[in-house]
Amino acid sequence: MEILQTAVDIAFVIVMLGVLFAFIRLIKGPSLPDRIVALDMMTVQIVAICALFAISSGETAFLDVAIVLALVGFLATVALARFVERREAGNDDQALTPDLPQDEETGP
């Protein structure tokens, strides 16, 4: 049992370092998709922390928390990805359409 606890402690440190690096990427950017990926990575690592704590403490309730957090993180990532896709598509549509004066009619 002592080996398992040592492995869990080492995993806690590694995952916390990953959360720290993901947080730095979230702050620095440079673009919105980079920040979304960093946020998703932090969510996955927090799920890992919940799982490690469940192993360490023997409380199975933390596994339920991890599953719910993983589902919410997945839905948030999908929603943010759709937001970025629509935002970029809107910029592309504006770039492709010429600016017509308002008083001209484009009929036959």
PDB file of N, CA and C in Angstrom:
ATOM      1  N   MET A   1       0.821  -1.190   0.000  1.00  0.00           N
ATOM      2  CA  MET A   1       0.000   0.000   0.000  1.00  0.00           C
ATOM      3  C   MET A   1       0.869   1.259   0.000  1.00  0.00           C
ATOM      4  N   GLU A   2       2.034   1.183   0.530  1.00  0.00           N
ATOM      5  CA  GLU A   2       2.928   2.330   0.585  1.00  0.00           C
ATOM      6  C   GLU A   2       3.397   2.737  -0.814  1.00  0.00           C
ATOM      7  N   ILE A   3       3.584   1.775  -1.690  1.00  0.00           N
ATOM      8  CA  ILE A   3       4.008   2.083  -3.062  1.00  0.00           C
ATOM      9  C   ILE A   3       2.901   2.826  -3.798  1.00  0.00           C
ATOM     10  N   LEU A   4       1.658   2.393  -3.584  1.00  0.00           N
ATOM     11  CA  LEU A   4       0.525   3.070  -4.222  1.00  0.00           C
ATOM     12  C   LEU A   4       0.426   4.519  -3.760  1.00  0.00           C
ATOM     13  N   GLN A   5       0.590   4.761  -2.485  1.00  0.00           N
ATOM     14  CA  GLN A   5       0.513   6.131  -1.960  1.00  0.00           C
ATOM     15  C   GLN A   5       1.645   6.992  -2.507  1.00  0.00           C
ATOM     16  N   THR A   6       2.838   6.417  -2.629  1.00  0.00           N
ATOM     17  CA  THR A   6       3.964   7.160  -3.212  1.00  0.00           C
ATOM     18  C   THR A   6       3.684   7.494  -4.668  1.00  0.00           C
ATOM     19  N   ALA A   7       3.133   6.545  -5.410  1.00  0.00           N
ATOM     20  CA  ALA A   7       2.813   6.791  -6.818  1.00  0.00           C
ATOM     21  C   ALA A   7       1.737   7.863  -6.964  1.00  0.00           C
ATOM     22  N   VAL A   8       0.749   7.833  -6.091  1.00  0.00           N
ATOM     23  CA  VAL A   8      -0.311   8.847  -6.129  1.00  0.00           C
ATOM     24  C   VAL A   8       0.256  10.221  -5.785  1.00  0.00           C
ATOM     25  N   ASP A   9       1.135  10.293  -4.813  1.00  0.00           N
ATOM     26  CA  ASP A   9       1.755  11.574  -4.451  1.00  0.00           C
ATOM     27  C   ASP A   9       2.583  12.140  -5.604  1.00  0.00           C
ATOM     28  N   ILE A  10       3.332  11.288  -6.263  1.00  0.00           N
ATOM     29  CA  ILE A  10       4.130  11.732  -7.418  1.00  0.00           C
ATOM     30  C   ILE A  10       3.204  12.196  -8.545  1.00  0.00           C
ATOM     31  N   ALA A  11       2.129  11.456  -8.750  1.00  0.00           N
ATOM     32  CA  ALA A  11       1.172  11.835  -9.795  1.00  0.00           C
ATOM     33  C   ALA A  11       0.513  13.171  -9.471  1.00  0.00           C
ATOM     34  N   PHE A  12       0.199  13.421  -8.193  1.00  0.00           N
ATOM     35  CA  PHE A  12      -0.348  14.716  -7.791  1.00  0.00           C
ATOM     36  C   PHE A  12       0.599  15.851  -8.191  1.00  0.00           C
ATOM     37  N   VAL A  13       1.864  15.684  -7.918  1.00  0.00           N
ATOM     38  CA  VAL A  13       2.850  16.733  -8.244  1.00  0.00           C
ATOM     39  C   VAL A  13       2.924  16.952  -9.749  1.00  0.00           C
ATOM     40  N   ILE A  14       2.949  15.873 -10.507  1.00  0.00           N
ATOM     41  CA  ILE A  14       3.050  15.992 -11.962  1.00  0.00           C
ATOM     42  C   ILE A  14       1.808  16.661 -12.540  1.00  0.00           C
ATOM     43  N   VAL A  15       0.641  16.262 -12.062  1.00  0.00           N
ATOM     44  CA  VAL A  15      -0.600  16.845 -12.571  1.00  0.00           C
ATOM     45  C   VAL A  15      -0.693  18.319 -12.177  1.00  0.00           C
ATOM     46  N   MET A  16      -0.271  18.660 -10.976  1.00  0.00           N
ATOM     47  CA  MET A  16      -0.301  20.065 -10.563  1.00  0.00           C
ATOM     48  C   MET A  16       0.654  20.914 -11.397  1.00  0.00           C
ATOM     49  N   LEU A  17       1.792  20.364 -11.773  1.00  0.00           N
ATOM     50  CA  LEU A  17       2.692  21.076 -12.688  1.00  0.00           C
ATOM     51  C   LEU A  17       2.025  21.281 -14.044  1.00  0.00           C
ATOM     52  N   GLY A  18       1.295  20.267 -14.498  1.00  0.00           N
ATOM     53  CA  GLY A  18       0.557  20.403 -15.753  1.00  0.00           C
ATOM     54  C   GLY A  18      -0.511  21.480 -15.677  1.00  0.00           C
ATOM     55  N   VAL A  19      -1.206  21.559 -14.557  1.00  0.00           N
ATOM     56  CA  VAL A  19      -2.205  22.610 -14.371  1.00  0.00           C
ATOM     57  C   VAL A  19      -1.536  23.981 -14.382  1.00  0.00           C
ATOM     58  N   LEU A  20      -0.390  24.097 -13.747  1.00  0.00           N
ATOM     59  CA  LEU A  20       0.341  25.364 -13.738  1.00  0.00           C
ATOM     60  C   LEU A  20       0.760  25.783 -15.146  1.00  0.00           C
ATOM     61  N   PHE A  21       1.315  24.846 -15.919  1.00  0.00           N
ATOM     62  CA  PHE A  21       1.721  25.169 -17.286  1.00  0.00           C
ATOM     63  C   PHE A  21       0.525  25.505 -18.171  1.00  0.00           C
ATOM     64  N   ALA A  22      -0.584  24.795 -17.973  1.00  0.00           N
ATOM     65  CA  ALA A  22      -1.790  25.107 -18.741  1.00  0.00           C
ATOM     66  C   ALA A  22      -2.333  26.484 -18.370  1.00  0.00           C
ATOM     67  N   PHE A  23      -2.237  26.839 -17.099  1.00  0.00           N
ATOM     68  CA  PHE A  23      -2.693  28.166 -16.666  1.00  0.00           C
ATOM     69  C   PHE A  23      -1.826  29.262 -17.288  1.00  0.00           C
ATOM     70  N   ILE A  24      -0.549  29.017 -17.381  1.00  0.00           N
ATOM     71  CA  ILE A  24       0.345  29.992 -18.033  1.00  0.00           C
ATOM     72  C   ILE A  24      -0.043  30.154 -19.496  1.00  0.00           C
ATOM     73  N   ARG A  25      -0.344  29.034 -20.173  1.00  0.00           N
ATOM     74  CA  ARG A  25      -0.766  29.096 -21.575  1.00  0.00           C
ATOM     75  C   ARG A  25      -2.109  29.811 -21.689  1.00  0.00           C
ATOM     76  N   LEU A  26      -2.988  29.614 -20.724  1.00  0.00           N
ATOM     77  CA  LEU A  26      -4.287  30.279 -20.729  1.00  0.00           C
ATOM     78  C   LEU A  26      -4.120  31.791 -20.617  1.00  0.00           C
ATOM     79  N   ILE A  27      -3.185  32.229 -19.798  1.00  0.00           N
ATOM     80  CA  ILE A  27      -2.956  33.666 -19.617  1.00  0.00           C
ATOM     81  C   ILE A  27      -2.236  34.273 -20.829  1.00  0.00           C
ATOM     82  N   LYS A  28      -1.193  33.603 -21.323  1.00  0.00           N
ATOM     83  CA  LYS A  28      -0.367  34.175 -22.379  1.00  0.00           C
ATOM     84  C   LYS A  28      -1.019  34.100 -23.754  1.00  0.00           C
ATOM     85  N   GLY A  29      -1.803  33.090 -24.015  1.00  0.00           N
ATOM     86  CA  GLY A  29      -2.464  32.986 -25.315  1.00  0.00           C
ATOM     87  C   GLY A  29      -1.581  32.350 -26.364  1.00  0.00           C
ATOM     88  N   PRO A  30      -1.309  32.845 -27.456  1.00  0.00           N
ATOM     89  CA  PRO A  30      -1.565  34.169 -28.024  1.00  0.00           C
ATOM     90  C   PRO A  30      -2.925  34.302 -28.707  1.00  0.00           C
ATOM     91  N   SER A  31      -3.594  33.202 -29.000  1.00  0.00           N
ATOM     92  CA  SER A  31      -4.870  33.308 -29.692  1.00  0.00           C
ATOM     93  C   SER A  31      -5.968  32.642 -28.861  1.00  0.00           C
ATOM     94  N   LEU A  32      -7.197  32.873 -29.282  1.00  0.00           N
ATOM     95  CA  LEU A  32      -8.338  32.290 -28.581  1.00  0.00           C
ATOM     96  C   LEU A  32      -8.350  30.761 -28.640  1.00  0.00           C
ATOM     97  N   PRO A  33      -8.049  30.134 -29.796  1.00  0.00           N
ATOM     98  CA  PRO A  33      -7.992  28.666 -29.801  1.00  0.00           C
ATOM     99  C   PRO A  33      -6.937  28.094 -28.853  1.00  0.00           C
ATOM    100  N   ASP A  34      -5.810  28.771 -28.688  1.00  0.00           N
ATOM    101  CA  ASP A  34      -4.794  28.337 -27.727  1.00  0.00           C
ATOM    102  C   ASP A  34      -5.346  28.373 -26.307  1.00  0.00           C
ATOM    103  N   ARG A  35      -6.092  29.405 -26.009  1.00  0.00           N
ATOM    104  CA  ARG A  35      -6.678  29.518 -24.668  1.00  0.00           C
ATOM    105  C   ARG A  35      -7.739  28.449 -24.424  1.00  0.00           C
ATOM    106  N   ILE A  36      -8.503  28.113 -25.463  1.00  0.00           N
ATOM    107  CA  ILE A  36      -9.523  27.074 -25.324  1.00  0.00           C
ATOM    108  C   ILE A  36      -8.872  25.720 -25.080  1.00  0.00           C
ATOM    109  N   VAL A  37      -7.817  25.424 -25.799  1.00  0.00           N
ATOM    110  CA  VAL A  37      -7.103  24.162 -25.592  1.00  0.00           C
ATOM    111  C   VAL A  37      -6.499  24.107 -24.195  1.00  0.00           C
ATOM    112  N   ALA A  38      -5.951  25.223 -23.728  1.00  0.00           N
ATOM    113  CA  ALA A  38      -5.386  25.263 -22.375  1.00  0.00           C
ATOM    114  C   ALA A  38      -6.465  25.044 -21.327  1.00  0.00           C
ATOM    115  N   LEU A  39      -7.630  25.634 -21.521  1.00  0.00           N
ATOM    116  CA  LEU A  39      -8.731  25.451 -20.583  1.00  0.00           C
ATOM    117  C   LEU A  39      -9.204  23.997 -20.578  1.00  0.00           C
ATOM    118  N   ASP A  40      -9.260  23.382 -21.755  1.00  0.00           N
ATOM    119  CA  ASP A  40      -9.642  21.975 -21.842  1.00  0.00           C
ATOM    120  C   ASP A  40      -8.607  21.093 -21.161  1.00  0.00           C
ATOM    121  N   MET A  41      -7.350  21.425 -21.346  1.00  0.00           N
ATOM    122  CA  MET A  41      -6.281  20.654 -20.703  1.00  0.00           C
ATOM    123  C   MET A  41      -6.363  20.780 -19.179  1.00  0.00           C
ATOM    124  N   MET A  42      -6.674  21.969 -18.697  1.00  0.00           N
ATOM    125  CA  MET A  42      -6.829  22.140 -17.250  1.00  0.00           C
ATOM    126  C   MET A  42      -8.008  21.334 -16.722  1.00  0.00           C
ATOM    127  N   THR A  43      -9.092  21.269 -17.487  1.00  0.00           N
ATOM    128  CA  THR A  43     -10.249  20.488 -17.070  1.00  0.00           C
ATOM    129  C   THR A  43      -9.901  19.016 -16.962  1.00  0.00           C
ATOM    130  N   VAL A  44      -9.190  18.502 -17.940  1.00  0.00           N
ATOM    131  CA  VAL A  44      -8.785  17.096 -17.911  1.00  0.00           C
ATOM    132  C   VAL A  44      -7.869  16.822 -16.719  1.00  0.00           C
ATOM    133  N   GLN A  45      -6.981  17.742 -16.429  1.00  0.00           N
ATOM    134  CA  GLN A  45      -6.072  17.543 -15.307  1.00  0.00           C
ATOM    135  C   GLN A  45      -6.796  17.647 -13.962  1.00  0.00           C
ATOM    136  N   ILE A  46      -7.817  18.471 -13.884  1.00  0.00           N
ATOM    137  CA  ILE A  46      -8.594  18.540 -12.647  1.00  0.00           C
ATOM    138  C   ILE A  46      -9.399  17.258 -12.463  1.00  0.00           C
ATOM    139  N   VAL A  47      -9.871  16.676 -13.555  1.00  0.00           N
ATOM    140  CA  VAL A  47     -10.518  15.362 -13.474  1.00  0.00           C
ATOM    141  C   VAL A  47      -9.523  14.326 -12.952  1.00  0.00           C
ATOM    142  N   ALA A  48      -8.288  14.409 -13.423  1.00  0.00           N
ATOM    143  CA  ALA A  48      -7.248  13.490 -12.935  1.00  0.00           C
ATOM    144  C   ALA A  48      -6.983  13.699 -11.446  1.00  0.00           C
ATOM    145  N   ILE A  49      -7.012  14.936 -10.995  1.00  0.00           N
ATOM    146  CA  ILE A  49      -6.824  15.211  -9.562  1.00  0.00           C
ATOM    147  C   ILE A  49      -7.952  14.582  -8.754  1.00  0.00           C
ATOM    148  N   CYS A  50      -9.188  14.711  -9.252  1.00  0.00           N
ATOM    149  CA  CYS A  50     -10.320  14.081  -8.554  1.00  0.00           C
ATOM    150  C   CYS A  50     -10.147  12.567  -8.485  1.00  0.00           C
ATOM    151  N   ALA A  51      -9.694  11.964  -9.575  1.00  0.00           N
ATOM    152  CA  ALA A  51      -9.486  10.517  -9.590  1.00  0.00           C
ATOM    153  C   ALA A  51      -8.353  10.114  -8.645  1.00  0.00           C
ATOM    154  N   LEU A  52      -7.280  10.868  -8.642  1.00  0.00           N
ATOM    155  CA  LEU A  52      -6.173  10.565  -7.734  1.00  0.00           C
ATOM    156  C   LEU A  52      -6.596  10.710  -6.274  1.00  0.00           C
ATOM    157  N   PHE A  53      -7.410  11.724  -5.992  1.00  0.00           N
ATOM    158  CA  PHE A  53      -7.878  11.895  -4.622  1.00  0.00           C
ATOM    159  C   PHE A  53      -8.809  10.756  -4.221  1.00  0.00           C
ATOM    160  N   ALA A  54      -9.601  10.267  -5.174  1.00  0.00           N
ATOM    161  CA  ALA A  54     -10.472   9.125  -4.891  1.00  0.00           C
ATOM    162  C   ALA A  54      -9.642   7.883  -4.582  1.00  0.00           C
ATOM    163  N   ILE A  55      -8.551   7.694  -5.286  1.00  0.00           N
ATOM    164  CA  ILE A  55      -7.660   6.562  -5.012  1.00  0.00           C
ATOM    165  C   ILE A  55      -7.000   6.728  -3.648  1.00  0.00           C
ATOM    166  N   SER A  56      -6.533   7.937  -3.384  1.00  0.00           N
ATOM    167  CA  SER A  56      -5.807   8.199  -2.152  1.00  0.00           C
ATOM    168  C   SER A  56      -6.693   8.071  -0.913  1.00  0.00           C
ATOM    169  N   SER A  57      -7.912   8.618  -1.002  1.00  0.00           N
ATOM    170  CA  SER A  57      -8.779   8.633   0.183  1.00  0.00           C
ATOM    171  C   SER A  57      -9.707   7.433   0.276  1.00  0.00           C
ATOM    172  N   GLY A  58      -9.930   6.770  -0.828  1.00  0.00           N
ATOM    173  CA  GLY A  58     -10.851   5.641  -0.828  1.00  0.00           C
ATOM    174  C   GLY A  58     -12.306   6.048  -0.951  1.00  0.00           C
ATOM    175  N   GLU A  59     -12.574   7.330  -1.127  1.00  0.00           N
ATOM    176  CA  GLU A  59     -13.940   7.842  -1.290  1.00  0.00           C
ATOM    177  C   GLU A  59     -14.338   7.734  -2.760  1.00  0.00           C
ATOM    178  N   THR A  60     -15.355   6.936  -3.041  1.00  0.00           N
ATOM    179  CA  THR A  60     -15.784   6.760  -4.428  1.00  0.00           C
ATOM    180  C   THR A  60     -16.618   7.926  -4.930  1.00  0.00           C
ATOM    181  N   ALA A  61     -17.073   8.801  -4.051  1.00  0.00           N
ATOM    182  CA  ALA A  61     -17.869   9.956  -4.471  1.00  0.00           C
ATOM    183  C   ALA A  61     -17.063  10.879  -5.384  1.00  0.00           C
ATOM    184  N   PHE A  62     -15.761  10.915  -5.214  1.00  0.00           N
ATOM    185  CA  PHE A  62     -14.932  11.777  -6.055  1.00  0.00           C
ATOM    186  C   PHE A  62     -14.871  11.282  -7.493  1.00  0.00           C
ATOM    187  N   LEU A  63     -15.109  10.002  -7.712  1.00  0.00           N
ATOM    188  CA  LEU A  63     -15.182   9.498  -9.080  1.00  0.00           C
ATOM    189  C   LEU A  63     -16.434  10.025  -9.777  1.00  0.00           C
ATOM    190  N   ASP A  64     -17.535  10.137  -9.034  1.00  0.00           N
ATOM    191  CA  ASP A  64     -18.744  10.746  -9.600  1.00  0.00           C
ATOM    192  C   ASP A  64     -18.501  12.206  -9.952  1.00  0.00           C
ATOM    193  N   VAL A  65     -17.805  12.905  -9.086  1.00  0.00           N
ATOM    194  CA  VAL A  65     -17.458  14.304  -9.359  1.00  0.00           C
ATOM    195  C   VAL A  65     -16.587  14.394 -10.606  1.00  0.00           C
ATOM    196  N   ALA A  66     -15.645  13.486 -10.746  1.00  0.00           N
ATOM    197  CA  ALA A  66     -14.755  13.494 -11.905  1.00  0.00           C
ATOM    198  C   ALA A  66     -15.535  13.244 -13.197  1.00  0.00           C
ATOM    199  N   ILE A  67     -16.488  12.329 -13.157  1.00  0.00           N
ATOM    200  CA  ILE A  67     -17.279  12.034 -14.357  1.00  0.00           C
ATOM    201  C   ILE A  67     -18.124  13.243 -14.753  1.00  0.00           C
ATOM    202  N   VAL A  68     -18.775  13.869 -13.789  1.00  0.00           N
ATOM    203  CA  VAL A  68     -19.594  15.046 -14.084  1.00  0.00           C
ATOM    204  C   VAL A  68     -18.727  16.182 -14.602  1.00  0.00           C
ATOM    205  N   LEU A  69     -17.580  16.391 -13.993  1.00  0.00           N
ATOM    206  CA  LEU A  69     -16.674  17.449 -14.444  1.00  0.00           C
ATOM    207  C   LEU A  69     -16.170  17.175 -15.860  1.00  0.00           C
ATOM    208  N   ALA A  70     -15.899  15.924 -16.176  1.00  0.00           N
ATOM    209  CA  ALA A  70     -15.460  15.581 -17.527  1.00  0.00           C
ATOM    210  C   ALA A  70     -16.557  15.862 -18.555  1.00  0.00           C
ATOM    211  N   LEU A  71     -17.788  15.549 -18.218  1.00  0.00           N
ATOM    212  CA  LEU A  71     -18.897  15.828 -19.133  1.00  0.00           C
ATOM    213  C   LEU A  71     -19.105  17.326 -19.332  1.00  0.00           C
ATOM    214  N   VAL A  72     -19.058  18.079 -18.253  1.00  0.00           N
ATOM    215  CA  VAL A  72     -19.221  19.532 -18.359  1.00  0.00           C
ATOM    216  C   VAL A  72     -18.054  20.140 -19.144  1.00  0.00           C
ATOM    217  N   GLY A  73     -16.844  19.658 -18.910  1.00  0.00           N
ATOM    218  CA  GLY A  73     -15.689  20.150 -19.653  1.00  0.00           C
ATOM    219  C   GLY A  73     -15.792  19.856 -21.137  1.00  0.00           C
ATOM    220  N   PHE A  74     -16.294  18.661 -21.479  1.00  0.00           N
ATOM    221  CA  PHE A  74     -16.469  18.315 -22.885  1.00  0.00           C
ATOM    222  C   PHE A  74     -17.489  19.230 -23.545  1.00  0.00           C
ATOM    223  N   LEU A  75     -18.617  19.451 -22.882  1.00  0.00           N
ATOM    224  CA  LEU A  75     -19.645  20.326 -23.453  1.00  0.00           C
ATOM    225  C   LEU A  75     -19.140  21.764 -23.588  1.00  0.00           C
ATOM    226  N   ALA A  76     -18.375  22.220 -22.627  1.00  0.00           N
ATOM    227  CA  ALA A  76     -17.823  23.578 -22.711  1.00  0.00           C
ATOM    228  C   ALA A  76     -16.834  23.700 -23.868  1.00  0.00           C
ATOM    229  N   THR A  77     -16.028  22.681 -24.070  1.00  0.00           N
ATOM    230  CA  THR A  77     -15.066  22.714 -25.167  1.00  0.00           C
ATOM    231  C   THR A  77     -15.776  22.727 -26.514  1.00  0.00           C
ATOM    232  N   VAL A  78     -16.817  21.917 -26.648  1.00  0.00           N
ATOM    233  CA  VAL A  78     -17.584  21.898 -27.900  1.00  0.00           C
ATOM    234  C   VAL A  78     -18.245  23.254 -28.137  1.00  0.00           C
ATOM    235  N   ALA A  79     -18.822  23.828 -27.100  1.00  0.00           N
ATOM    236  CA  ALA A  79     -19.475  25.130 -27.246  1.00  0.00           C
ATOM    237  C   ALA A  79     -18.477  26.219 -27.627  1.00  0.00           C
ATOM    238  N   LEU A  80     -17.333  26.224 -26.995  1.00  0.00           N
ATOM    239  CA  LEU A  80     -16.316  27.229 -27.329  1.00  0.00           C
ATOM    240  C   LEU A  80     -15.757  27.029 -28.726  1.00  0.00           C
ATOM    241  N   ALA A  81     -15.607  25.783 -29.145  1.00  0.00           N
ATOM    242  CA  ALA A  81     -15.118  25.509 -30.500  1.00  0.00           C
ATOM    243  C   ALA A  81     -16.132  25.997 -31.542  1.00  0.00           C
ATOM    244  N   ARG A  82     -17.403  25.784 -31.273  1.00  0.00           N
ATOM    245  CA  ARG A  82     -18.431  26.285 -32.195  1.00  0.00           C
ATOM    246  C   ARG A  82     -18.432  27.810 -32.226  1.00  0.00           C
ATOM    247  N   PHE A  83     -18.214  28.429 -31.077  1.00  0.00           N
ATOM    248  CA  PHE A  83     -18.151  29.890 -31.024  1.00  0.00           C
ATOM    249  C   PHE A  83     -17.004  30.408 -31.886  1.00  0.00           C
ATOM    250  N   VAL A  84     -15.838  29.790 -31.756  1.00  0.00           N
ATOM    251  CA  VAL A  84     -14.679  30.224 -32.542  1.00  0.00           C
ATOM    252  C   VAL A  84     -14.923  29.990 -34.026  1.00  0.00           C
ATOM    253  N   GLU A  85     -15.521  28.857 -34.358  1.00  0.00           N
ATOM    254  CA  GLU A  85     -15.790  28.547 -35.761  1.00  0.00           C
ATOM    255  C   GLU A  85     -16.757  29.560 -36.370  1.00  0.00           C
ATOM    256  N   ARG A  86     -17.811  29.904 -35.653  1.00  0.00           N
ATOM    257  CA  ARG A  86     -18.761  30.892 -36.166  1.00  0.00           C
ATOM    258  C   ARG A  86     -18.141  32.277 -36.256  1.00  0.00           C
ATOM    259  N   ARG A  87     -17.303  32.580 -35.300  1.00  0.00           N
ATOM    260  CA  ARG A  87     -16.648  33.891 -35.310  1.00  0.00           C
ATOM    261  C   ARG A  87     -15.721  34.018 -36.514  1.00  0.00           C
ATOM    262  N   GLU A  88     -14.953  32.960 -36.791  1.00  0.00           N
ATOM    263  CA  GLU A  88     -14.056  32.995 -37.943  1.00  0.00           C
ATOM    264  C   GLU A  88     -14.826  32.946 -39.249  1.00  0.00           C
ATOM    265  N   ALA A  89     -15.937  32.209 -39.293  1.00  0.00           N
ATOM    266  CA  ALA A  89     -16.752  32.154 -40.501  1.00  0.00           C
ATOM    267  C   ALA A  89     -17.384  33.508 -40.771  1.00  0.00           C
ATOM    268  N   GLY A  90     -17.786  34.216 -39.723  1.00  0.00           N
ATOM    269  CA  GLY A  90     -18.340  35.555 -39.890  1.00  0.00           C
ATOM    270  C   GLY A  90     -17.322  36.529 -40.443  1.00  0.00           C
ATOM    271  N   ASN A  91     -16.081  36.409 -40.013  1.00  0.00           N
ATOM    272  CA  ASN A  91     -15.017  37.270 -40.529  1.00  0.00           C
ATOM    273  C   ASN A  91     -14.716  36.946 -41.980  1.00  0.00           C
ATOM    274  N   ASP A  92     -14.766  35.669 -42.354  1.00  0.00           N
ATOM    275  CA  ASP A  92     -14.511  35.271 -43.739  1.00  0.00           C
ATOM    276  C   ASP A  92     -15.625  35.758 -44.651  1.00  0.00           C
ATOM    277  N   ASP A  93     -16.880  35.681 -44.203  1.00  0.00           N
ATOM    278  CA  ASP A  93     -17.999  36.137 -45.021  1.00  0.00           C
ATOM    279  C   ASP A  93     -17.907  37.630 -45.268  1.00  0.00           C
ATOM    280  N   GLN A  94     -17.500  38.396 -44.274  1.00  0.00           N
ATOM    281  CA  GLN A  94     -17.379  39.833 -44.445  1.00  0.00           C
ATOM    282  C   GLN A  94     -16.232  40.174 -45.375  1.00  0.00           C
ATOM    283  N   ALA A  95     -15.190  39.379 -45.374  1.00  0.00           N
ATOM    284  CA  ALA A  95     -14.048  39.656 -46.238  1.00  0.00           C
ATOM    285  C   ALA A  95     -14.361  39.317 -47.693  1.00  0.00           C
ATOM    286  N   LEU A  96     -15.240  38.341 -47.936  1.00  0.00           N
ATOM    287  CA  LEU A  96     -15.541  37.913 -49.296  1.00  0.00           C
ATOM    288  C   LEU A  96     -16.616  38.756 -49.965  1.00  0.00           C
ATOM    289  N   THR A  97     -17.490  39.373 -49.223  1.00  0.00           N
ATOM    290  CA  THR A  97     -18.552  40.170 -49.824  1.00  0.00           C
ATOM    291  C   THR A  97     -18.083  41.597 -50.008  1.00  0.00           C
ATOM    292  N   PRO A  98     -18.295  42.136 -51.204  1.00  0.00           N
ATOM    293  CA  PRO A  98     -17.870  43.528 -51.425  1.00  0.00           C
ATOM    294  C   PRO A  98     -18.826  44.479 -50.725  1.00  0.00           C
ATOM    295  N   ASP A  99     -18.316  45.623 -50.371  1.00  0.00           N
ATOM    296  CA  ASP A  99     -19.148  46.643 -49.747  1.00  0.00           C
ATOM    297  C   ASP A  99     -19.875  47.420 -50.834  1.00  0.00           C
ATOM    298  N   LEU A 100     -21.200  47.273 -50.877  1.00  0.00           N
ATOM    299  CA  LEU A 100     -22.006  47.986 -51.851  1.00  0.00           C
ATOM    300  C   LEU A 100     -22.580  49.227 -51.193  1.00  0.00           C
ATOM    301  N   PRO A 101     -22.674  50.293 -51.940  1.00  0.00           N
ATOM    302  CA  PRO A 101     -23.322  51.484 -51.373  1.00  0.00           C
ATOM    303  C   PRO A 101     -24.778  51.171 -51.053  1.00  0.00           C
ATOM    304  N   GLN A 102     -25.319  51.823 -50.053  1.00  0.00           N
ATOM    305  CA  GLN A 102     -26.668  51.549 -49.592  1.00  0.00           C
ATOM    306  C   GLN A 102     -27.744  52.032 -50.560  1.00  0.00           C
ATOM    307  N   ASP A 103     -27.458  53.063 -51.381  1.00  0.00           N
ATOM    308  CA  ASP A 103     -28.494  53.627 -52.241  1.00  0.00           C
ATOM    309  C   ASP A 103     -28.611  52.891 -53.568  1.00  0.00           C
ATOM    310  N   GLU A 104     -27.706  51.992 -53.921  1.00  0.00           N
ATOM    311  CA  GLU A 104     -27.782  51.245 -55.164  1.00  0.00           C
ATOM    312  C   GLU A 104     -28.683  50.040 -54.993  1.00  0.00           C
ATOM    313  N   GLU A 105     -29.420  49.740 -56.066  1.00  0.00           N
ATOM    314  CA  GLU A 105     -30.214  48.526 -56.036  1.00  0.00           C
ATOM    315  C   GLU A 105     -29.508  47.483 -56.874  1.00  0.00           C
ATOM    316  N   THR A 106     -29.569  46.249 -56.415  1.00  0.00           N
ATOM    317  CA  THR A 106     -28.866  45.172 -57.117  1.00  0.00           C
ATOM    318  C   THR A 106     -29.828  44.298 -57.897  1.00  0.00           C
ATOM    319  N   GLY A 107     -31.009  44.806 -58.199  1.00  0.00           N
ATOM    320  CA  GLY A 107     -32.021  44.049 -58.926  1.00  0.00           C
ATOM    321  C   GLY A 107     -31.706  43.983 -60.415  1.00  0.00           C
ATOM    322  N   PRO A 108     -32.576  43.279 -61.228  1.00  0.00           N
ATOM    323  CA  PRO A 108     -32.331  43.139 -62.675  1.00  0.00           C
ATOM    324  C   PRO A 108     -32.586  44.388 -63.466  1.00  0.00           C
TER     325      PRO A 108
END
